Amino acid sequence: MLKKTDAHGSRLVEYDDSLAFDDLTVASLDDDTFEVEAITGHRGGPTKSSLEFLVAWDGYPGADEWLPYREVRDLEALDIYAEAHPELHL
């Protein structure tokens, strides 16, 4: 499932379609993009705004990071985690 996300205008760059790369190759050229491997834990509550989620970054073992709900709310990894933790009511 794809989700719509917002991006700050400063992150936009002109796209050169003459390069004829496939979508995956174009996406891989973005050095500021990190893939979420999984969400592995949560803490806080009871409101969504006070929840934090432990994010495991793909390719960066041991670099797990606690992020607030507002930063993970659009991630597919959160959908998967929420299915396993229905008590969160996300």
PDB file of N, CA and C in Angstrom:
ATOM      1  N   MET A   1       0.835  -1.164   0.000  1.00  0.00           N
ATOM      2  CA  MET A   1       0.000   0.000   0.000  1.00  0.00           C
ATOM      3  C   MET A   1       0.887   1.236   0.000  1.00  0.00           C
ATOM      4  N   LEU A   2       0.668   2.141  -0.905  1.00  0.00           N
ATOM      5  CA  LEU A   2       1.412   3.386  -0.964  1.00  0.00           C
ATOM      6  C   LEU A   2       0.694   4.442  -0.149  1.00  0.00           C
ATOM      7  N   LYS A   3       1.471   5.286   0.494  1.00  0.00           N
ATOM      8  CA  LYS A   3       0.902   6.367   1.271  1.00  0.00           C
ATOM      9  C   LYS A   3       1.453   7.692   0.779  1.00  0.00           C
ATOM     10  N   LYS A   4       0.632   8.703   0.813  1.00  0.00           N
ATOM     11  CA  LYS A   4       1.044  10.045   0.435  1.00  0.00           C
ATOM     12  C   LYS A   4       1.844  10.651   1.578  1.00  0.00           C
ATOM     13  N   THR A   5       2.966  11.273   1.244  1.00  0.00           N
ATOM     14  CA  THR A   5       3.761  11.961   2.250  1.00  0.00           C
ATOM     15  C   THR A   5       4.103  13.356   1.756  1.00  0.00           C
ATOM     16  N   ASP A   6       4.335  14.247   2.681  1.00  0.00           N
ATOM     17  CA  ASP A   6       4.720  15.609   2.348  1.00  0.00           C
ATOM     18  C   ASP A   6       6.233  15.711   2.329  1.00  0.00           C
ATOM     19  N   ALA A   7       6.744  16.614   1.514  1.00  0.00           N
ATOM     20  CA  ALA A   7       8.185  16.862   1.463  1.00  0.00           C
ATOM     21  C   ALA A   7       8.406  18.365   1.402  1.00  0.00           C
ATOM     22  N   HIS A   8       9.437  18.830   2.068  1.00  0.00           N
ATOM     23  CA  HIS A   8       9.776  20.249   2.050  1.00  0.00           C
ATOM     24  C   HIS A   8      10.322  20.605   0.670  1.00  0.00           C
ATOM     25  N   GLY A   9       9.985  21.764   0.181  1.00  0.00           N
ATOM     26  CA  GLY A   9      10.398  22.209  -1.145  1.00  0.00           C
ATOM     27  C   GLY A   9      11.900  22.245  -1.346  1.00  0.00           C
ATOM     28  N   SER A  10      12.648  22.392  -0.260  1.00  0.00           N
ATOM     29  CA  SER A  10      14.098  22.433  -0.387  1.00  0.00           C
ATOM     30  C   SER A  10      14.680  21.088  -0.803  1.00  0.00           C
ATOM     31  N   ARG A  11      13.915  20.022  -0.699  1.00  0.00           N
ATOM     32  CA  ARG A  11      14.382  18.691  -1.074  1.00  0.00           C
ATOM     33  C   ARG A  11      14.115  18.385  -2.551  1.00  0.00           C
ATOM     34  N   LEU A  12      13.413  19.259  -3.234  1.00  0.00           N
ATOM     35  CA  LEU A  12      13.077  19.018  -4.630  1.00  0.00           C
ATOM     36  C   LEU A  12      14.263  19.324  -5.537  1.00  0.00           C
ATOM     37  N   VAL A  13      14.448  18.481  -6.521  1.00  0.00           N
ATOM     38  CA  VAL A  13      15.478  18.695  -7.526  1.00  0.00           C
ATOM     39  C   VAL A  13      14.857  18.482  -8.903  1.00  0.00           C
ATOM     40  N   GLU A  14      15.446  19.105  -9.895  1.00  0.00           N
ATOM     41  CA  GLU A  14      14.930  18.946 -11.253  1.00  0.00           C
ATOM     42  C   GLU A  14      15.182  17.524 -11.729  1.00  0.00           C
ATOM     43  N   TYR A  15      14.173  16.917 -12.326  1.00  0.00           N
ATOM     44  CA  TYR A  15      14.271  15.553 -12.826  1.00  0.00           C
ATOM     45  C   TYR A  15      14.659  15.576 -14.295  1.00  0.00           C
ATOM     46  N   ASP A  16      15.700  14.855 -14.636  1.00  0.00           N
ATOM     47  CA  ASP A  16      16.174  14.779 -16.016  1.00  0.00           C
ATOM     48  C   ASP A  16      15.728  13.439 -16.602  1.00  0.00           C
ATOM     49  N   ASP A  17      14.623  13.441 -17.350  1.00  0.00           N
ATOM     50  CA  ASP A  17      14.087  12.186 -17.876  1.00  0.00           C
ATOM     51  C   ASP A  17      14.899  11.637 -19.042  1.00  0.00           C
ATOM     52  N   SER A  18      15.900  12.361 -19.509  1.00  0.00           N
ATOM     53  CA  SER A  18      16.727  11.853 -20.595  1.00  0.00           C
ATOM     54  C   SER A  18      17.667  10.743 -20.128  1.00  0.00           C
ATOM     55  N   LEU A  19      17.806  10.589 -18.816  1.00  0.00           N
ATOM     56  CA  LEU A  19      18.682   9.543 -18.285  1.00  0.00           C
ATOM     57  C   LEU A  19      18.088   8.152 -18.479  1.00  0.00           C
ATOM     58  N   ALA A  20      16.782   8.064 -18.622  1.00  0.00           N
ATOM     59  CA  ALA A  20      16.063   6.819 -18.914  1.00  0.00           C
ATOM     60  C   ALA A  20      16.344   5.711 -17.901  1.00  0.00           C
ATOM     61  N   PHE A  21      16.480   6.075 -16.630  1.00  0.00           N
ATOM     62  CA  PHE A  21      16.614   5.074 -15.580  1.00  0.00           C
ATOM     63  C   PHE A  21      15.239   4.544 -15.196  1.00  0.00           C
ATOM     64  N   ASP A  22      15.207   3.341 -14.684  1.00  0.00           N
ATOM     65  CA  ASP A  22      13.951   2.840 -14.141  1.00  0.00           C
ATOM     66  C   ASP A  22      13.717   3.509 -12.784  1.00  0.00           C
ATOM     67  N   ASP A  23      12.499   3.431 -12.259  1.00  0.00           N
ATOM     68  CA  ASP A  23      12.132   4.127 -11.020  1.00  0.00           C
ATOM     69  C   ASP A  23      13.012   3.729  -9.839  1.00  0.00           C
ATOM     70  N   LEU A  24      13.333   2.463  -9.706  1.00  0.00           N
ATOM     71  CA  LEU A  24      14.142   1.998  -8.586  1.00  0.00           C
ATOM     72  C   LEU A  24      15.541   2.607  -8.627  1.00  0.00           C
ATOM     73  N   THR A  25      16.118   2.696  -9.805  1.00  0.00           N
ATOM     74  CA  THR A  25      17.446   3.292  -9.938  1.00  0.00           C
ATOM     75  C   THR A  25      17.409   4.771  -9.586  1.00  0.00           C
ATOM     76  N   VAL A  26      16.391   5.486 -10.036  1.00  0.00           N
ATOM     77  CA  VAL A  26      16.257   6.910  -9.726  1.00  0.00           C
ATOM     78  C   VAL A  26      16.126   7.101  -8.214  1.00  0.00           C
ATOM     79  N   ALA A  27      15.298   6.301  -7.577  1.00  0.00           N
ATOM     80  CA  ALA A  27      15.118   6.413  -6.128  1.00  0.00           C
ATOM     81  C   ALA A  27      16.412   6.121  -5.384  1.00  0.00           C
ATOM     82  N   SER A  28      17.217   5.210  -5.884  1.00  0.00           N
ATOM     83  CA  SER A  28      18.456   4.847  -5.199  1.00  0.00           C
ATOM     84  C   SER A  28      19.512   5.946  -5.286  1.00  0.00           C
ATOM     85  N   LEU A  29      19.331   6.909  -6.172  1.00  0.00           N
ATOM     86  CA  LEU A  29      20.292   7.999  -6.308  1.00  0.00           C
ATOM     87  C   LEU A  29      20.141   9.049  -5.213  1.00  0.00           C
ATOM     88  N   ASP A  30      19.076   8.989  -4.446  1.00  0.00           N
ATOM     89  CA  ASP A  30      18.826   9.942  -3.368  1.00  0.00           C
ATOM     90  C   ASP A  30      19.639   9.538  -2.150  1.00  0.00           C
ATOM     91  N   ASP A  31      20.703  10.267  -1.858  1.00  0.00           N
ATOM     92  CA  ASP A  31      21.593   9.936  -0.746  1.00  0.00           C
ATOM     93  C   ASP A  31      20.961  10.170   0.615  1.00  0.00           C
ATOM     94  N   ASP A  32      19.902  10.969   0.683  1.00  0.00           N
ATOM     95  CA  ASP A  32      19.281  11.290   1.962  1.00  0.00           C
ATOM     96  C   ASP A  32      18.147  10.350   2.324  1.00  0.00           C
ATOM     97  N   THR A  33      17.976   9.279   1.596  1.00  0.00           N
ATOM     98  CA  THR A  33      16.886   8.354   1.847  1.00  0.00           C
ATOM     99  C   THR A  33      17.389   7.124   2.586  1.00  0.00           C
ATOM    100  N   PHE A  34      16.705   6.809   3.665  1.00  0.00           N
ATOM    101  CA  PHE A  34      17.015   5.610   4.432  1.00  0.00           C
ATOM    102  C   PHE A  34      15.764   4.755   4.477  1.00  0.00           C
ATOM    103  N   GLU A  35      15.920   3.464   4.290  1.00  0.00           N
ATOM    104  CA  GLU A  35      14.794   2.547   4.292  1.00  0.00           C
ATOM    105  C   GLU A  35      14.556   2.017   5.689  1.00  0.00           C
ATOM    106  N   VAL A  36      13.303   1.959   6.074  1.00  0.00           N
ATOM    107  CA  VAL A  36      12.938   1.376   7.357  1.00  0.00           C
ATOM    108  C   VAL A  36      12.823  -0.129   7.176  1.00  0.00           C
ATOM    109  N   GLU A  37      13.566  -0.860   7.969  1.00  0.00           N
ATOM    110  CA  GLU A  37      13.471  -2.322   7.938  1.00  0.00           C
ATOM    111  C   GLU A  37      12.219  -2.767   8.667  1.00  0.00           C
ATOM    112  N   ALA A  38      11.989  -2.203   9.862  1.00  0.00           N
ATOM    113  CA  ALA A  38      10.823  -2.570  10.663  1.00  0.00           C
ATOM    114  C   ALA A  38      10.695  -1.622  11.839  1.00  0.00           C
ATOM    115  N   ILE A  39       9.513  -1.585  12.392  1.00  0.00           N
ATOM    116  CA  ILE A  39       9.305  -0.947  13.690  1.00  0.00           C
ATOM    117  C   ILE A  39       9.268  -2.087  14.691  1.00  0.00           C
ATOM    118  N   THR A  40      10.099  -1.985  15.725  1.00  0.00           N
ATOM    119  CA  THR A  40      10.292  -3.125  16.622  1.00  0.00           C
ATOM    120  C   THR A  40       9.814  -2.888  18.042  1.00  0.00           C
ATOM    121  N   GLY A  41       9.339  -1.689  18.340  1.00  0.00           N
ATOM    122  CA  GLY A  41       8.861  -1.430  19.693  1.00  0.00           C
ATOM    123  C   GLY A  41       8.148  -0.102  19.772  1.00  0.00           C
ATOM    124  N   HIS A  42       7.501   0.102  20.912  1.00  0.00           N
ATOM    125  CA  HIS A  42       6.849   1.390  21.155  1.00  0.00           C
ATOM    126  C   HIS A  42       6.906   1.704  22.644  1.00  0.00           C
ATOM    127  N   ARG A  43       6.766   2.988  22.954  1.00  0.00           N
ATOM    128  CA  ARG A  43       6.708   3.434  24.333  1.00  0.00           C
ATOM    129  C   ARG A  43       5.886   4.715  24.385  1.00  0.00           C
ATOM    130  N   GLY A  44       5.445   5.061  25.574  1.00  0.00           N
ATOM    131  CA  GLY A  44       4.641   6.268  25.752  1.00  0.00           C
ATOM    132  C   GLY A  44       3.166   5.980  25.649  1.00  0.00           C
ATOM    133  N   GLY A  45       2.408   7.010  25.431  1.00  0.00           N
ATOM    134  CA  GLY A  45       0.965   6.889  25.346  1.00  0.00           C
ATOM    135  C   GLY A  45       0.332   7.624  26.517  1.00  0.00           C
ATOM    136  N   PRO A  46      -0.959   7.679  26.635  1.00  0.00           N
ATOM    137  CA  PRO A  46      -1.961   6.961  25.859  1.00  0.00           C
ATOM    138  C   PRO A  46      -2.363   7.645  24.554  1.00  0.00           C
ATOM    139  N   THR A  47      -1.939   8.894  24.341  1.00  0.00           N
ATOM    140  CA  THR A  47      -2.325   9.569  23.100  1.00  0.00           C
ATOM    141  C   THR A  47      -1.301   9.282  22.003  1.00  0.00           C
ATOM    142  N   LYS A  48      -1.748   9.376  20.771  1.00  0.00           N
ATOM    143  CA  LYS A  48      -0.845   9.147  19.641  1.00  0.00           C
ATOM    144  C   LYS A  48       0.343  10.112  19.680  1.00  0.00           C
ATOM    145  N   SER A  49       0.086  11.360  20.042  1.00  0.00           N
ATOM    146  CA  SER A  49       1.157  12.358  20.033  1.00  0.00           C
ATOM    147  C   SER A  49       2.231  12.079  21.074  1.00  0.00           C
ATOM    148  N   SER A  50       1.934  11.253  22.067  1.00  0.00           N
ATOM    149  CA  SER A  50       2.940  10.932  23.077  1.00  0.00           C
ATOM    150  C   SER A  50       3.612   9.578  22.832  1.00  0.00           C
ATOM    151  N   LEU A  51       3.234   8.901  21.744  1.00  0.00           N
ATOM    152  CA  LEU A  51       3.841   7.614  21.406  1.00  0.00           C
ATOM    153  C   LEU A  51       5.158   7.808  20.661  1.00  0.00           C
ATOM    154  N   GLU A  52       6.105   6.917  20.935  1.00  0.00           N
ATOM    155  CA  GLU A  52       7.350   6.835  20.184  1.00  0.00           C
ATOM    156  C   GLU A  52       7.520   5.396  19.716  1.00  0.00           C
ATOM    157  N   PHE A  53       8.158   5.249  18.569  1.00  0.00           N
ATOM    158  CA  PHE A  53       8.338   3.924  17.978  1.00  0.00           C
ATOM    159  C   PHE A  53       9.817   3.688  17.702  1.00  0.00           C
ATOM    160  N   LEU A  54      10.254   2.470  17.971  1.00  0.00           N
ATOM    161  CA  LEU A  54      11.644   2.093  17.740  1.00  0.00           C
ATOM    162  C   LEU A  54      11.782   1.620  16.299  1.00  0.00           C
ATOM    163  N   VAL A  55      12.547   2.379  15.508  1.00  0.00           N
ATOM    164  CA  VAL A  55      12.708   2.118  14.081  1.00  0.00           C
ATOM    165  C   VAL A  55      14.051   1.439  13.838  1.00  0.00           C
ATOM    166  N   ALA A  56      14.012   0.300  13.149  1.00  0.00           N
ATOM    167  CA  ALA A  56      15.228  -0.385  12.711  1.00  0.00           C
ATOM    168  C   ALA A  56      15.464   0.009  11.265  1.00  0.00           C
ATOM    169  N   TRP A  57      16.644   0.579  10.989  1.00  0.00           N
ATOM    170  CA  TRP A  57      16.982   1.045   9.643  1.00  0.00           C
ATOM    171  C   TRP A  57      17.618  -0.085   8.841  1.00  0.00           C
ATOM    172  N   ASP A  58      17.162  -0.263   7.617  1.00  0.00           N
ATOM    173  CA  ASP A  58      17.687  -1.298   6.733  1.00  0.00           C
ATOM    174  C   ASP A  58      19.142  -0.988   6.384  1.00  0.00           C
ATOM    175  N   GLY A  59      20.021  -1.953   6.631  1.00  0.00           N
ATOM    176  CA  GLY A  59      21.433  -1.779   6.320  1.00  0.00           C
ATOM    177  C   GLY A  59      22.237  -1.113   7.419  1.00  0.00           C
ATOM    178  N   TYR A  60      21.596  -0.772   8.532  1.00  0.00           N
ATOM    179  CA  TYR A  60      22.288  -0.116   9.646  1.00  0.00           C
ATOM    180  C   TYR A  60      21.983  -0.846  10.952  1.00  0.00           C
ATOM    181  N   PRO A  61      22.472  -2.082  11.104  1.00  0.00           N
ATOM    182  CA  PRO A  61      22.206  -2.824  12.333  1.00  0.00           C
ATOM    183  C   PRO A  61      22.774  -2.086  13.546  1.00  0.00           C
ATOM    184  N   GLY A  62      21.999  -2.064  14.601  1.00  0.00           N
ATOM    185  CA  GLY A  62      22.428  -1.402  15.825  1.00  0.00           C
ATOM    186  C   GLY A  62      22.197   0.089  15.849  1.00  0.00           C
ATOM    187  N   ALA A  63      21.649   0.646  14.787  1.00  0.00           N
ATOM    188  CA  ALA A  63      21.393   2.089  14.726  1.00  0.00           C
ATOM    189  C   ALA A  63      19.914   2.399  14.925  1.00  0.00           C
ATOM    190  N   ASP A  64      19.217   1.528  15.645  1.00  0.00           N
ATOM    191  CA  ASP A  64      17.789   1.738  15.890  1.00  0.00           C
ATOM    192  C   ASP A  64      17.571   3.089  16.563  1.00  0.00           C
ATOM    193  N   GLU A  65      16.419   3.676  16.277  1.00  0.00           N
ATOM    194  CA  GLU A  65      16.171   5.043  16.731  1.00  0.00           C
ATOM    195  C   GLU A  65      14.718   5.192  17.159  1.00  0.00           C
ATOM    196  N   TRP A  66      14.501   5.859  18.285  1.00  0.00           N
ATOM    197  CA  TRP A  66      13.141   6.174  18.742  1.00  0.00           C
ATOM    198  C   TRP A  66      12.661   7.424  18.015  1.00  0.00           C
ATOM    199  N   LEU A  67      11.511   7.309  17.345  1.00  0.00           N
ATOM    200  CA  LEU A  67      10.935   8.439  16.615  1.00  0.00           C
ATOM    201  C   LEU A  67       9.500   8.655  17.079  1.00  0.00           C
ATOM    202  N   PRO A  68       9.058   9.921  17.125  1.00  0.00           N
ATOM    203  CA  PRO A  68       7.678  10.193  17.524  1.00  0.00           C
ATOM    204  C   PRO A  68       6.685   9.717  16.459  1.00  0.00           C
ATOM    205  N   TYR A  69       5.458   9.505  16.903  1.00  0.00           N
ATOM    206  CA  TYR A  69       4.392   9.036  16.010  1.00  0.00           C
ATOM    207  C   TYR A  69       4.295   9.901  14.752  1.00  0.00           C
ATOM    208  N   ARG A  70       4.407  11.213  14.886  1.00  0.00           N
ATOM    209  CA  ARG A  70       4.232  12.108  13.728  1.00  0.00           C
ATOM    210  C   ARG A  70       5.238  11.820  12.620  1.00  0.00           C
ATOM    211  N   GLU A  71       6.391  11.229  12.953  1.00  0.00           N
ATOM    212  CA  GLU A  71       7.407  10.936  11.947  1.00  0.00           C
ATOM    213  C   GLU A  71       7.276   9.546  11.338  1.00  0.00           C
ATOM    214  N   VAL A  72       6.469   8.693  11.944  1.00  0.00           N
ATOM    215  CA  VAL A  72       6.317   7.331  11.411  1.00  0.00           C
ATOM    216  C   VAL A  72       4.893   7.023  10.970  1.00  0.00           C
ATOM    217  N   ARG A  73       3.978   7.956  11.171  1.00  0.00           N
ATOM    218  CA  ARG A  73       2.557   7.682  10.938  1.00  0.00           C
ATOM    219  C   ARG A  73       2.230   7.247   9.509  1.00  0.00           C
ATOM    220  N   ASP A  74       3.050   7.632   8.522  1.00  0.00           N
ATOM    221  CA  ASP A  74       2.770   7.293   7.127  1.00  0.00           C
ATOM    222  C   ASP A  74       3.571   6.092   6.624  1.00  0.00           C
ATOM    223  N   LEU A  75       4.286   5.426   7.514  1.00  0.00           N
ATOM    224  CA  LEU A  75       5.124   4.310   7.092  1.00  0.00           C
ATOM    225  C   LEU A  75       4.335   3.004   7.029  1.00  0.00           C
ATOM    226  N   GLU A  76       4.605   2.227   5.998  1.00  0.00           N
ATOM    227  CA  GLU A  76       4.011   0.900   5.893  1.00  0.00           C
ATOM    228  C   GLU A  76       4.448   0.035   7.071  1.00  0.00           C
ATOM    229  N   ALA A  77       5.665   0.247   7.553  1.00  0.00           N
ATOM    230  CA  ALA A  77       6.164  -0.515   8.702  1.00  0.00           C
ATOM    231  C   ALA A  77       5.288  -0.293   9.928  1.00  0.00           C
ATOM    232  N   LEU A  78       4.714   0.900  10.083  1.00  0.00           N
ATOM    233  CA  LEU A  78       3.818   1.160  11.205  1.00  0.00           C
ATOM    234  C   LEU A  78       2.513   0.389  11.031  1.00  0.00           C
ATOM    235  N   ASP A  79       2.019   0.301   9.807  1.00  0.00           N
ATOM    236  CA  ASP A  79       0.807  -0.484   9.545  1.00  0.00           C
ATOM    237  C   ASP A  79       1.025  -1.935   9.963  1.00  0.00           C
ATOM    238  N   ILE A  80       2.177  -2.480   9.607  1.00  0.00           N
ATOM    239  CA  ILE A  80       2.503  -3.868   9.946  1.00  0.00           C
ATOM    240  C   ILE A  80       2.612  -4.023  11.460  1.00  0.00           C
ATOM    241  N   TYR A  81       3.286  -3.088  12.109  1.00  0.00           N
ATOM    242  CA  TYR A  81       3.458  -3.143  13.563  1.00  0.00           C
ATOM    243  C   TYR A  81       2.099  -3.023  14.266  1.00  0.00           C
ATOM    244  N   ALA A  82       1.255  -2.124  13.787  1.00  0.00           N
ATOM    245  CA  ALA A  82      -0.059  -1.904  14.403  1.00  0.00           C
ATOM    246  C   ALA A  82      -0.951  -3.132  14.297  1.00  0.00           C
ATOM    247  N   GLU A  83      -0.818  -3.896  13.217  1.00  0.00           N
ATOM    248  CA  GLU A  83      -1.595  -5.131  13.085  1.00  0.00           C
ATOM    249  C   GLU A  83      -1.218  -6.140  14.175  1.00  0.00           C
ATOM    250  N   ALA A  84       0.051  -6.149  14.544  1.00  0.00           N
ATOM    251  CA  ALA A  84       0.526  -7.061  15.586  1.00  0.00           C
ATOM    252  C   ALA A  84       0.245  -6.509  16.995  1.00  0.00           C
ATOM    253  N   HIS A  85      -0.106  -5.224  17.090  1.00  0.00           N
ATOM    254  CA  HIS A  85      -0.345  -4.580  18.382  1.00  0.00           C
ATOM    255  C   HIS A  85      -1.663  -3.791  18.327  1.00  0.00           C
ATOM    256  N   PRO A  86      -2.801  -4.505  18.261  1.00  0.00           N
ATOM    257  CA  PRO A  86      -4.089  -3.825  18.128  1.00  0.00           C
ATOM    258  C   PRO A  86      -4.452  -2.943  19.328  1.00  0.00           C
ATOM    259  N   GLU A  87      -3.770  -3.170  20.457  1.00  0.00           N
ATOM    260  CA  GLU A  87      -4.049  -2.349  21.643  1.00  0.00           C
ATOM    261  C   GLU A  87      -3.665  -0.891  21.430  1.00  0.00           C
ATOM    262  N   LEU A  88      -2.878  -0.588  20.415  1.00  0.00           N
ATOM    263  CA  LEU A  88      -2.468   0.786  20.135  1.00  0.00           C
ATOM    264  C   LEU A  88      -3.599   1.631  19.544  1.00  0.00           C
ATOM    265  N   HIS A  89      -4.550   0.978  18.872  1.00  0.00           N
ATOM    266  CA  HIS A  89      -5.701   1.690  18.260  1.00  0.00           C
ATOM    267  C   HIS A  89      -5.242   2.809  17.324  1.00  0.00           C
ATOM    268  N   LEU A  90      -4.336   2.468  16.420  1.00  0.00           N
ATOM    269  CA  LEU A  90      -3.836   3.481  15.475  1.00  0.00           C
ATOM    270  C   LEU A  90      -4.703   3.584  14.257  1.00  0.00           C
TER     271      LEU A  90
END
